[in-house]
Amino acid sequence: MAWLGSDEAEVVQASRRVTGVVSRLEDLTHDIKLVRIAPDQGAFLDFAAGQYAQVGFNGVPARSYSMAGRPGDDSFEFHIRRVPGGAASEHVHGALSVGDKVALELPLGSSSLRQHHSGPILCVAGGSGLAPIKSIVETALAHGMRQPIHVYFGVRAERDLYLVEHFRALARQHPNLIFTPVLSEEPSAQHRSGYVTQAVEEDLIDLNGWKAYVAGPPQMVDAAMATTFARGLRSADMHADAFFTPEEPLPQVRTLTIETQ
């Protein structure tokens, strides 16, 4: 995971090492699993929506995963995609059990919700990049942020979608939220087709004064940056997480700061 951005987070917290246990496991899609971790008593630590943790499961290397829940929840929620051959994700999908011990270091990263911002918000997620976007959106709504919030969720096919009804329910409760799933490799009567960044380009003409939060594969992040900057978004208003596996090279990101884990 690499953080891409150019301004300071509103609140900078020192990271800490804490321990906990797996309290819930759920298959969200064919290759994404929800993992909920309850911290040990007295070990709970707050975080900013959009931040991530280094998560270490017994016997496998620690990996970076974004928190999907809201700050102040009584447990940490992660959405972990299975990466073929990946030691950590293969362990999560094949061997992890409720009750297993977990070591975490958090909070990490600066691609977090800027609650002082009163202008419109654009969120673009690809695959398990929906995790930090979920945290950002839920936190913004809980804090009474009433500006337009446009969420675009890009996946390859119908089977890769998850939490669609959750976001639709949020949109019914909060008229300022618009949720748009986009399928890149499969036509659909229910959802938009094409690349998620093309949908953004078609819908939004002028992004001057907006904040953009982007999370997903490096190629999608790069395309989202190009699209939003062409639509007038300032570089200081782009806050992005590029998800990559340890075997992949870091994304090339022109002039923006890169923090690597």
C-alpha atoms as a PDB file:
ATOM      1  CA  MET A   1       0.000   0.000   0.000  1.00  0.00           C
ATOM      2  CA  ALA A   2       1.311   3.459  -0.819  1.00  0.00           C
ATOM      3  CA  TRP A   3      -0.179   6.745   0.300  1.00  0.00           C
ATOM      4  CA  LEU A   4      -0.383   9.498  -2.294  1.00  0.00           C
ATOM      5  CA  GLY A   5      -1.128  13.022  -1.200  1.00  0.00           C
ATOM      6  CA  SER A   6       0.275  16.486  -0.706  1.00  0.00           C
ATOM      7  CA  ASP A   7      -1.212  18.040   2.417  1.00  0.00           C
ATOM      8  CA  GLU A   8      -1.081  17.232   6.097  1.00  0.00           C
ATOM      9  CA  ALA A   9      -3.718  15.112   7.801  1.00  0.00           C
ATOM     10  CA  GLU A  10      -5.925  17.008  10.218  1.00  0.00           C
ATOM     11  CA  VAL A  11      -4.880  14.859  13.173  1.00  0.00           C
ATOM     12  CA  VAL A  12      -1.558  13.074  13.375  1.00  0.00           C
ATOM     13  CA  GLN A  13      -1.522  10.228  15.891  1.00  0.00           C
ATOM     14  CA  ALA A  14       1.521   8.236  16.856  1.00  0.00           C
ATOM     15  CA  SER A  15       1.166   4.588  15.907  1.00  0.00           C
ATOM     16  CA  ARG A  16       1.102   1.913  18.584  1.00  0.00           C
ATOM     17  CA  ARG A  17       1.410  -1.849  18.681  1.00  0.00           C
ATOM     18  CA  VAL A  18      -1.677  -3.586  20.023  1.00  0.00           C
ATOM     19  CA  THR A  19      -2.971  -7.139  20.142  1.00  0.00           C
ATOM     20  CA  GLY A  20      -6.390  -8.661  19.646  1.00  0.00           C
ATOM     21  CA  VAL A  21      -8.322 -11.714  18.533  1.00  0.00           C
ATOM     22  CA  VAL A  22     -10.344 -12.534  15.434  1.00  0.00           C
ATOM     23  CA  SER A  23     -13.999 -12.149  16.393  1.00  0.00           C
ATOM     24  CA  ARG A  24     -15.740 -12.594  13.036  1.00  0.00           C
ATOM     25  CA  LEU A  25     -15.043 -13.962   9.554  1.00  0.00           C
ATOM     26  CA  GLU A  26     -17.357 -13.543   6.547  1.00  0.00           C
ATOM     27  CA  ASP A  27     -16.984 -14.056   2.817  1.00  0.00           C
ATOM     28  CA  LEU A  28     -17.918 -10.791   1.105  1.00  0.00           C
ATOM     29  CA  THR A  29     -17.132 -12.044  -2.412  1.00  0.00           C
ATOM     30  CA  HIS A  30     -15.405 -15.052  -3.952  1.00  0.00           C
ATOM     31  CA  ASP A  31     -12.021 -13.523  -3.079  1.00  0.00           C
ATOM     32  CA  ILE A  32     -12.617 -10.889  -0.383  1.00  0.00           C
ATOM     33  CA  LYS A  33     -13.111 -11.838   3.248  1.00  0.00           C
ATOM     34  CA  LEU A  34     -14.307  -9.614   6.090  1.00  0.00           C
ATOM     35  CA  VAL A  35     -12.085 -10.009   9.141  1.00  0.00           C
ATOM     36  CA  ARG A  36     -13.190  -8.379  12.383  1.00  0.00           C
ATOM     37  CA  ILE A  37     -10.636  -8.074  15.180  1.00  0.00           C
ATOM     38  CA  ALA A  38     -11.520  -7.313  18.785  1.00  0.00           C
ATOM     39  CA  PRO A  39      -8.627  -5.585  20.563  1.00  0.00           C
ATOM     40  CA  ASP A  40      -7.487  -6.916  23.899  1.00  0.00           C
ATOM     41  CA  GLN A  41      -8.917  -5.102  26.899  1.00  0.00           C
ATOM     42  CA  GLY A  42      -7.321  -1.708  27.341  1.00  0.00           C
ATOM     43  CA  ALA A  43      -5.614  -1.890  23.931  1.00  0.00           C
ATOM     44  CA  PHE A  44      -8.204  -0.013  21.860  1.00  0.00           C
ATOM     45  CA  LEU A  45      -6.766   2.812  19.824  1.00  0.00           C
ATOM     46  CA  ASP A  46      -8.622   5.423  17.815  1.00  0.00           C
ATOM     47  CA  PHE A  47      -7.828   6.202  14.180  1.00  0.00           C
ATOM     48  CA  ALA A  48      -8.917   8.572  11.425  1.00  0.00           C
ATOM     49  CA  ALA A  49     -11.299   7.317   8.744  1.00  0.00           C
ATOM     50  CA  GLY A  50      -9.220   6.177   5.764  1.00  0.00           C
ATOM     51  CA  GLN A  51      -6.147   5.082   7.724  1.00  0.00           C
ATOM     52  CA  TYR A  52      -4.694   1.580   7.767  1.00  0.00           C
ATOM     53  CA  ALA A  53      -2.890  -0.880  10.037  1.00  0.00           C
ATOM     54  CA  GLN A  54      -0.055  -3.350   9.765  1.00  0.00           C
ATOM     55  CA  VAL A  55      -1.742  -6.638  10.615  1.00  0.00           C
ATOM     56  CA  GLY A  56       0.196  -9.740  11.601  1.00  0.00           C
ATOM     57  CA  PHE A  57      -1.453 -13.132  11.780  1.00  0.00           C
ATOM     58  CA  ASN A  58       0.356 -16.004  13.490  1.00  0.00           C
ATOM     59  CA  GLY A  59       3.233 -17.328  11.448  1.00  0.00           C
ATOM     60  CA  VAL A  60       2.870 -15.119   8.358  1.00  0.00           C
ATOM     61  CA  PRO A  61       4.393 -11.739   7.420  1.00  0.00           C
ATOM     62  CA  ALA A  62       2.478  -8.630   8.487  1.00  0.00           C
ATOM     63  CA  ARG A  63       0.609  -6.797   5.733  1.00  0.00           C
ATOM     64  CA  SER A  64      -1.079  -3.403   5.401  1.00  0.00           C
ATOM     65  CA  TYR A  65      -4.895  -3.355   5.439  1.00  0.00           C
ATOM     66  CA  SER A  66      -7.226  -0.371   5.658  1.00  0.00           C
ATOM     67  CA  MET A  67      -9.797  -0.129   8.427  1.00  0.00           C
ATOM     68  CA  ALA A  68     -13.337  -0.362   7.029  1.00  0.00           C
ATOM     69  CA  GLY A  69     -15.237   0.602  10.173  1.00  0.00           C
ATOM     70  CA  ARG A  70     -15.720   3.922  11.873  1.00  0.00           C
ATOM     71  CA  PRO A  71     -13.365   5.392  14.467  1.00  0.00           C
ATOM     72  CA  GLY A  72     -14.745   4.596  17.899  1.00  0.00           C
ATOM     73  CA  ASP A  73     -16.121   1.167  16.964  1.00  0.00           C
ATOM     74  CA  ASP A  74     -15.432  -1.581  19.491  1.00  0.00           C
ATOM     75  CA  SER A  75     -13.551  -3.685  16.927  1.00  0.00           C
ATOM     76  CA  PHE A  76     -11.512  -3.275  13.767  1.00  0.00           C
ATOM     77  CA  GLU A  77     -12.991  -4.299  10.408  1.00  0.00           C
ATOM     78  CA  PHE A  78     -10.810  -5.295   7.448  1.00  0.00           C
ATOM     79  CA  HIS A  79     -11.637  -6.488   3.905  1.00  0.00           C
ATOM     80  CA  ILE A  80      -8.842  -8.811   2.765  1.00  0.00           C
ATOM     81  CA  ARG A  81      -8.578  -9.901  -0.862  1.00  0.00           C
ATOM     82  CA  ARG A  82      -7.043 -13.263  -1.657  1.00  0.00           C
ATOM     83  CA  VAL A  83      -3.822 -12.844  -3.640  1.00  0.00           C
ATOM     84  CA  PRO A  84      -2.729 -16.133  -5.275  1.00  0.00           C
ATOM     85  CA  GLY A  85       0.540 -17.129  -3.673  1.00  0.00           C
ATOM     86  CA  GLY A  86       0.347 -14.365  -1.072  1.00  0.00           C
ATOM     87  CA  ALA A  87       1.366 -15.757   2.310  1.00  0.00           C
ATOM     88  CA  ALA A  88      -0.840 -13.497   4.426  1.00  0.00           C
ATOM     89  CA  SER A  89      -3.978 -13.513   2.289  1.00  0.00           C
ATOM     90  CA  GLU A  90      -3.792 -17.250   1.646  1.00  0.00           C
ATOM     91  CA  HIS A  91      -3.581 -17.763   5.409  1.00  0.00           C
ATOM     92  CA  VAL A  92      -6.582 -15.492   5.986  1.00  0.00           C
ATOM     93  CA  HIS A  93      -8.704 -17.272   3.379  1.00  0.00           C
ATOM     94  CA  GLY A  94      -7.569 -20.802   4.118  1.00  0.00           C
ATOM     95  CA  ALA A  95      -6.564 -21.147   7.757  1.00  0.00           C
ATOM     96  CA  LEU A  96      -7.602 -18.159   9.884  1.00  0.00           C
ATOM     97  CA  SER A  97     -10.188 -18.944  12.560  1.00  0.00           C
ATOM     98  CA  VAL A  98     -12.278 -16.999  15.051  1.00  0.00           C
ATOM     99  CA  GLY A  99     -10.278 -16.727  18.257  1.00  0.00           C
ATOM    100  CA  ASP A 100      -6.868 -16.533  16.564  1.00  0.00           C
ATOM    101  CA  LYS A 101      -4.450 -13.992  18.013  1.00  0.00           C
ATOM    102  CA  VAL A 102      -3.514 -10.948  15.920  1.00  0.00           C
ATOM    103  CA  ALA A 103      -0.833  -8.253  16.280  1.00  0.00           C
ATOM    104  CA  LEU A 104      -1.495  -4.788  14.877  1.00  0.00           C
ATOM    105  CA  GLU A 105       0.367  -1.531  14.443  1.00  0.00           C
ATOM    106  CA  LEU A 106      -1.885   1.499  13.915  1.00  0.00           C
ATOM    107  CA  PRO A 107      -2.933   4.059  12.957  1.00  0.00           C
ATOM    108  CA  LEU A 108      -0.856   4.552   9.820  1.00  0.00           C
ATOM    109  CA  GLY A 109      -1.261   6.680   6.695  1.00  0.00           C
ATOM    110  CA  SER A 110      -2.408  10.199   5.928  1.00  0.00           C
ATOM    111  CA  SER A 111      -5.107   9.546   3.318  1.00  0.00           C
ATOM    112  CA  SER A 112      -7.853  10.255   5.835  1.00  0.00           C
ATOM    113  CA  LEU A 113     -11.113  12.189   5.908  1.00  0.00           C
ATOM    114  CA  ARG A 114     -10.688  15.973   6.088  1.00  0.00           C
ATOM    115  CA  GLN A 115     -13.685  16.914   8.236  1.00  0.00           C
ATOM    116  CA  HIS A 116     -13.070  20.653   7.870  1.00  0.00           C
ATOM    117  CA  HIS A 117     -13.841  20.441   4.144  1.00  0.00           C
ATOM    118  CA  SER A 118     -17.291  21.777   3.260  1.00  0.00           C
ATOM    119  CA  GLY A 119     -17.217  21.285  -0.515  1.00  0.00           C
ATOM    120  CA  PRO A 120     -18.339  18.230  -2.494  1.00  0.00           C
ATOM    121  CA  ILE A 121     -16.604  14.866  -1.999  1.00  0.00           C
ATOM    122  CA  LEU A 122     -15.680  12.272  -4.624  1.00  0.00           C
ATOM    123  CA  CYS A 123     -14.811   8.711  -3.572  1.00  0.00           C
ATOM    124  CA  VAL A 124     -13.491   6.159  -6.065  1.00  0.00           C
ATOM    125  CA  ALA A 125     -12.904   2.557  -4.951  1.00  0.00           C
ATOM    126  CA  GLY A 126     -11.635  -0.485  -6.794  1.00  0.00           C
ATOM    127  CA  GLY A 127     -12.170  -3.960  -5.325  1.00  0.00           C
ATOM    128  CA  SER A 128     -11.166  -4.169  -1.657  1.00  0.00           C
ATOM    129  CA  GLY A 129     -10.335  -0.468  -1.878  1.00  0.00           C
ATOM    130  CA  LEU A 130     -13.943  -0.086  -0.797  1.00  0.00           C
ATOM    131  CA  ALA A 131     -12.746  -0.652   2.799  1.00  0.00           C
ATOM    132  CA  PRO A 132     -11.243   2.807   3.491  1.00  0.00           C
ATOM    133  CA  ILE A 133     -13.933   4.463   1.358  1.00  0.00           C
ATOM    134  CA  LYS A 134     -16.604   2.820   3.540  1.00  0.00           C
ATOM    135  CA  SER A 135     -14.894   4.194   6.632  1.00  0.00           C
ATOM    136  CA  ILE A 136     -14.635   7.677   5.131  1.00  0.00           C
ATOM    137  CA  VAL A 137     -18.244   7.802   3.914  1.00  0.00           C
ATOM    138  CA  GLU A 138     -19.785   6.403   7.095  1.00  0.00           C
ATOM    139  CA  THR A 139     -17.743   8.771   9.249  1.00  0.00           C
ATOM    140  CA  ALA A 140     -18.606  11.805   7.117  1.00  0.00           C
ATOM    141  CA  LEU A 141     -22.326  11.013   7.325  1.00  0.00           C
ATOM    142  CA  ALA A 142     -22.160  10.305  11.063  1.00  0.00           C
ATOM    143  CA  HIS A 143     -20.530  13.694  11.597  1.00  0.00           C
ATOM    144  CA  GLY A 144     -23.328  15.446   9.743  1.00  0.00           C
ATOM    145  CA  MET A 145     -21.375  16.396   6.630  1.00  0.00           C
ATOM    146  CA  ARG A 146     -24.173  17.405   4.234  1.00  0.00           C
ATOM    147  CA  GLN A 147     -22.276  18.266   1.060  1.00  0.00           C
ATOM    148  CA  PRO A 148     -22.706  16.024  -2.013  1.00  0.00           C
ATOM    149  CA  ILE A 149     -20.787  12.745  -1.645  1.00  0.00           C
ATOM    150  CA  HIS A 150     -20.356  10.758  -4.875  1.00  0.00           C
ATOM    151  CA  VAL A 151     -19.092   7.184  -4.455  1.00  0.00           C
ATOM    152  CA  TYR A 152     -17.990   5.172  -7.513  1.00  0.00           C
ATOM    153  CA  PHE A 153     -17.211   1.488  -6.943  1.00  0.00           C
ATOM    154  CA  GLY A 154     -15.366  -0.215  -9.793  1.00  0.00           C
ATOM    155  CA  VAL A 155     -15.065  -4.003 -10.166  1.00  0.00           C
ATOM    156  CA  ARG A 156     -14.659  -6.432 -13.035  1.00  0.00           C
ATOM    157  CA  ALA A 157     -17.924  -8.375 -12.806  1.00  0.00           C
ATOM    158  CA  GLU A 158     -21.111  -8.826 -10.797  1.00  0.00           C
ATOM    159  CA  ARG A 159     -19.517 -11.442  -8.558  1.00  0.00           C
ATOM    160  CA  ASP A 160     -16.919  -8.889  -7.418  1.00  0.00           C
ATOM    161  CA  LEU A 161     -19.515  -6.474  -6.023  1.00  0.00           C
ATOM    162  CA  TYR A 162     -20.189  -6.336  -2.297  1.00  0.00           C
ATOM    163  CA  LEU A 163     -21.955  -4.076   0.210  1.00  0.00           C
ATOM    164  CA  VAL A 164     -24.094  -2.665  -2.597  1.00  0.00           C
ATOM    165  CA  GLU A 165     -27.282  -2.863  -0.538  1.00  0.00           C
ATOM    166  CA  HIS A 166     -25.472  -1.335   2.427  1.00  0.00           C
ATOM    167  CA  PHE A 167     -24.520   1.745   0.412  1.00  0.00           C
ATOM    168  CA  ARG A 168     -27.940   1.951  -1.201  1.00  0.00           C
ATOM    169  CA  ALA A 169     -29.505   1.950   2.262  1.00  0.00           C
ATOM    170  CA  LEU A 170     -27.153   4.746   3.310  1.00  0.00           C
ATOM    171  CA  ALA A 171     -28.136   6.703   0.190  1.00  0.00           C
ATOM    172  CA  ARG A 172     -31.828   6.345   1.067  1.00  0.00           C
ATOM    173  CA  GLN A 173     -31.114   7.723   4.540  1.00  0.00           C
ATOM    174  CA  HIS A 174     -28.810  10.500   3.312  1.00  0.00           C
ATOM    175  CA  PRO A 175     -29.955  12.261   0.110  1.00  0.00           C
ATOM    176  CA  ASN A 176     -26.514  13.850  -0.319  1.00  0.00           C
ATOM    177  CA  LEU A 177     -24.958  10.415  -0.979  1.00  0.00           C
ATOM    178  CA  ILE A 178     -24.883   8.974  -4.515  1.00  0.00           C
ATOM    179  CA  PHE A 179     -23.531   5.433  -4.943  1.00  0.00           C
ATOM    180  CA  THR A 180     -22.594   4.137  -8.399  1.00  0.00           C
ATOM    181  CA  PRO A 181     -21.254   0.603  -9.019  1.00  0.00           C
ATOM    182  CA  VAL A 182     -19.404   0.163 -12.332  1.00  0.00           C
ATOM    183  CA  LEU A 183     -18.511  -3.143 -14.033  1.00  0.00           C
ATOM    184  CA  SER A 184     -15.515  -3.078 -16.371  1.00  0.00           C
ATOM    185  CA  GLU A 185     -15.673  -6.558 -17.932  1.00  0.00           C
ATOM    186  CA  GLU A 186     -19.321  -7.550 -17.862  1.00  0.00           C
ATOM    187  CA  PRO A 187     -22.450  -5.850 -19.277  1.00  0.00           C
ATOM    188  CA  SER A 188     -25.209  -5.368 -16.730  1.00  0.00           C
ATOM    189  CA  ALA A 189     -28.823  -4.252 -16.829  1.00  0.00           C
ATOM    190  CA  GLN A 190     -28.560  -3.014 -13.239  1.00  0.00           C
ATOM    191  CA  HIS A 191     -25.182  -1.283 -13.155  1.00  0.00           C
ATOM    192  CA  ARG A 192     -22.981   1.000 -15.244  1.00  0.00           C
ATOM    193  CA  SER A 193     -20.484  -0.640 -17.580  1.00  0.00           C
ATOM    194  CA  GLY A 194     -16.952   0.432 -18.472  1.00  0.00           C
ATOM    195  CA  TYR A 195     -14.040   1.685 -16.421  1.00  0.00           C
ATOM    196  CA  VAL A 196     -14.934   3.408 -13.164  1.00  0.00           C
ATOM    197  CA  THR A 197     -12.890   6.476 -14.101  1.00  0.00           C
ATOM    198  CA  GLN A 198     -14.848   6.789 -17.352  1.00  0.00           C
ATOM    199  CA  ALA A 199     -18.060   6.987 -15.309  1.00  0.00           C
ATOM    200  CA  VAL A 200     -16.538   9.771 -13.225  1.00  0.00           C
ATOM    201  CA  GLU A 201     -15.466  11.587 -16.391  1.00  0.00           C
ATOM    202  CA  GLU A 202     -18.970  11.284 -17.874  1.00  0.00           C
ATOM    203  CA  ASP A 203     -20.788  12.492 -14.751  1.00  0.00           C
ATOM    204  CA  LEU A 204     -18.614  15.228 -13.257  1.00  0.00           C
ATOM    205  CA  ILE A 205     -17.425  18.188 -15.304  1.00  0.00           C
ATOM    206  CA  ASP A 206     -15.783  20.550 -12.799  1.00  0.00           C
ATOM    207  CA  LEU A 207     -14.020  19.213  -9.680  1.00  0.00           C
ATOM    208  CA  ASN A 208     -12.518  22.497  -8.549  1.00  0.00           C
ATOM    209  CA  GLY A 209     -13.218  22.800  -4.824  1.00  0.00           C
ATOM    210  CA  TRP A 210     -13.869  19.070  -4.360  1.00  0.00           C
ATOM    211  CA  LYS A 211     -11.984  16.572  -2.204  1.00  0.00           C
ATOM    212  CA  ALA A 212     -11.209  13.189  -3.785  1.00  0.00           C
ATOM    213  CA  TYR A 213     -10.529   9.966  -1.907  1.00  0.00           C
ATOM    214  CA  VAL A 214      -9.310   7.085  -4.071  1.00  0.00           C
ATOM    215  CA  ALA A 215      -8.366   3.529  -3.072  1.00  0.00           C
ATOM    216  CA  GLY A 216      -7.625   0.490  -5.189  1.00  0.00           C
ATOM    217  CA  PRO A 217      -5.143  -0.968  -7.686  1.00  0.00           C
ATOM    218  CA  PRO A 218      -2.302   1.348  -8.780  1.00  0.00           C
ATOM    219  CA  GLN A 219      -3.540   1.501 -12.387  1.00  0.00           C
ATOM    220  CA  MET A 220      -6.968   2.639 -11.260  1.00  0.00           C
ATOM    221  CA  VAL A 221      -5.485   5.192  -8.880  1.00  0.00           C
ATOM    222  CA  ASP A 222      -3.325   6.609 -11.666  1.00  0.00           C
ATOM    223  CA  ALA A 223      -6.318   6.801 -14.024  1.00  0.00           C
ATOM    224  CA  ALA A 224      -8.417   8.479 -11.329  1.00  0.00           C
ATOM    225  CA  MET A 225      -5.705  11.058 -10.753  1.00  0.00           C
ATOM    226  CA  ALA A 226      -5.488  11.846 -14.460  1.00  0.00           C
ATOM    227  CA  THR A 227      -9.272  12.130 -14.785  1.00  0.00           C
ATOM    228  CA  THR A 228      -9.818  14.288 -11.720  1.00  0.00           C
ATOM    229  CA  PHE A 229      -6.884  16.616 -12.390  1.00  0.00           C
ATOM    230  CA  ALA A 230      -8.179  17.108 -15.949  1.00  0.00           C
ATOM    231  CA  ARG A 231     -11.515  18.099 -14.375  1.00  0.00           C
ATOM    232  CA  GLY A 232      -9.917  20.787 -12.219  1.00  0.00           C
ATOM    233  CA  LEU A 233      -9.157  18.972  -8.973  1.00  0.00           C
ATOM    234  CA  ARG A 234      -6.201  20.491  -7.136  1.00  0.00           C
ATOM    235  CA  SER A 235      -3.373  18.082  -6.270  1.00  0.00           C
ATOM    236  CA  ALA A 236      -3.734  19.095  -2.606  1.00  0.00           C
ATOM    237  CA  ASP A 237      -7.299  17.760  -2.696  1.00  0.00           C
ATOM    238  CA  MET A 238      -6.338  14.276  -3.880  1.00  0.00           C
ATOM    239  CA  HIS A 239      -5.996  11.664  -1.113  1.00  0.00           C
ATOM    240  CA  ALA A 240      -5.298   8.182  -2.401  1.00  0.00           C
ATOM    241  CA  ASP A 241      -4.186   4.703  -1.386  1.00  0.00           C
ATOM    242  CA  ALA A 242      -2.654   2.499  -4.079  1.00  0.00           C
ATOM    243  CA  PHE A 243      -3.024  -1.168  -3.123  1.00  0.00           C
ATOM    244  CA  PHE A 244      -0.234  -3.443  -4.306  1.00  0.00           C
ATOM    245  CA  THR A 245       1.223  -6.789  -3.280  1.00  0.00           C
ATOM    246  CA  PRO A 246       4.837  -7.031  -2.028  1.00  0.00           C
ATOM    247  CA  GLU A 247       5.849  -8.584  -5.353  1.00  0.00           C
ATOM    248  CA  GLU A 248       4.599  -5.576  -7.319  1.00  0.00           C
ATOM    249  CA  PRO A 249       6.665  -2.407  -7.904  1.00  0.00           C
ATOM    250  CA  LEU A 250       5.560   0.850  -6.329  1.00  0.00           C
ATOM    251  CA  PRO A 251       3.339   2.936  -8.600  1.00  0.00           C
ATOM    252  CA  GLN A 252       4.904   5.844 -10.408  1.00  0.00           C
ATOM    253  CA  VAL A 253       3.240   8.992  -9.108  1.00  0.00           C
ATOM    254  CA  ARG A 254       4.595  12.105 -10.805  1.00  0.00           C
ATOM    255  CA  THR A 255       5.017  14.911  -8.226  1.00  0.00           C
ATOM    256  CA  LEU A 256       2.942  13.680  -5.295  1.00  0.00           C
ATOM    257  CA  THR A 257       4.426  12.454  -2.045  1.00  0.00           C
ATOM    258  CA  ILE A 258       4.651   8.673  -1.578  1.00  0.00           C
ATOM    259  CA  GLU A 259       4.699   7.023   1.821  1.00  0.00           C
ATOM    260  CA  THR A 260       5.480   3.325   1.643  1.00  0.00           C
ATOM    261  CA  GLN A 261       5.018   0.567   4.161  1.00  0.00           C
END
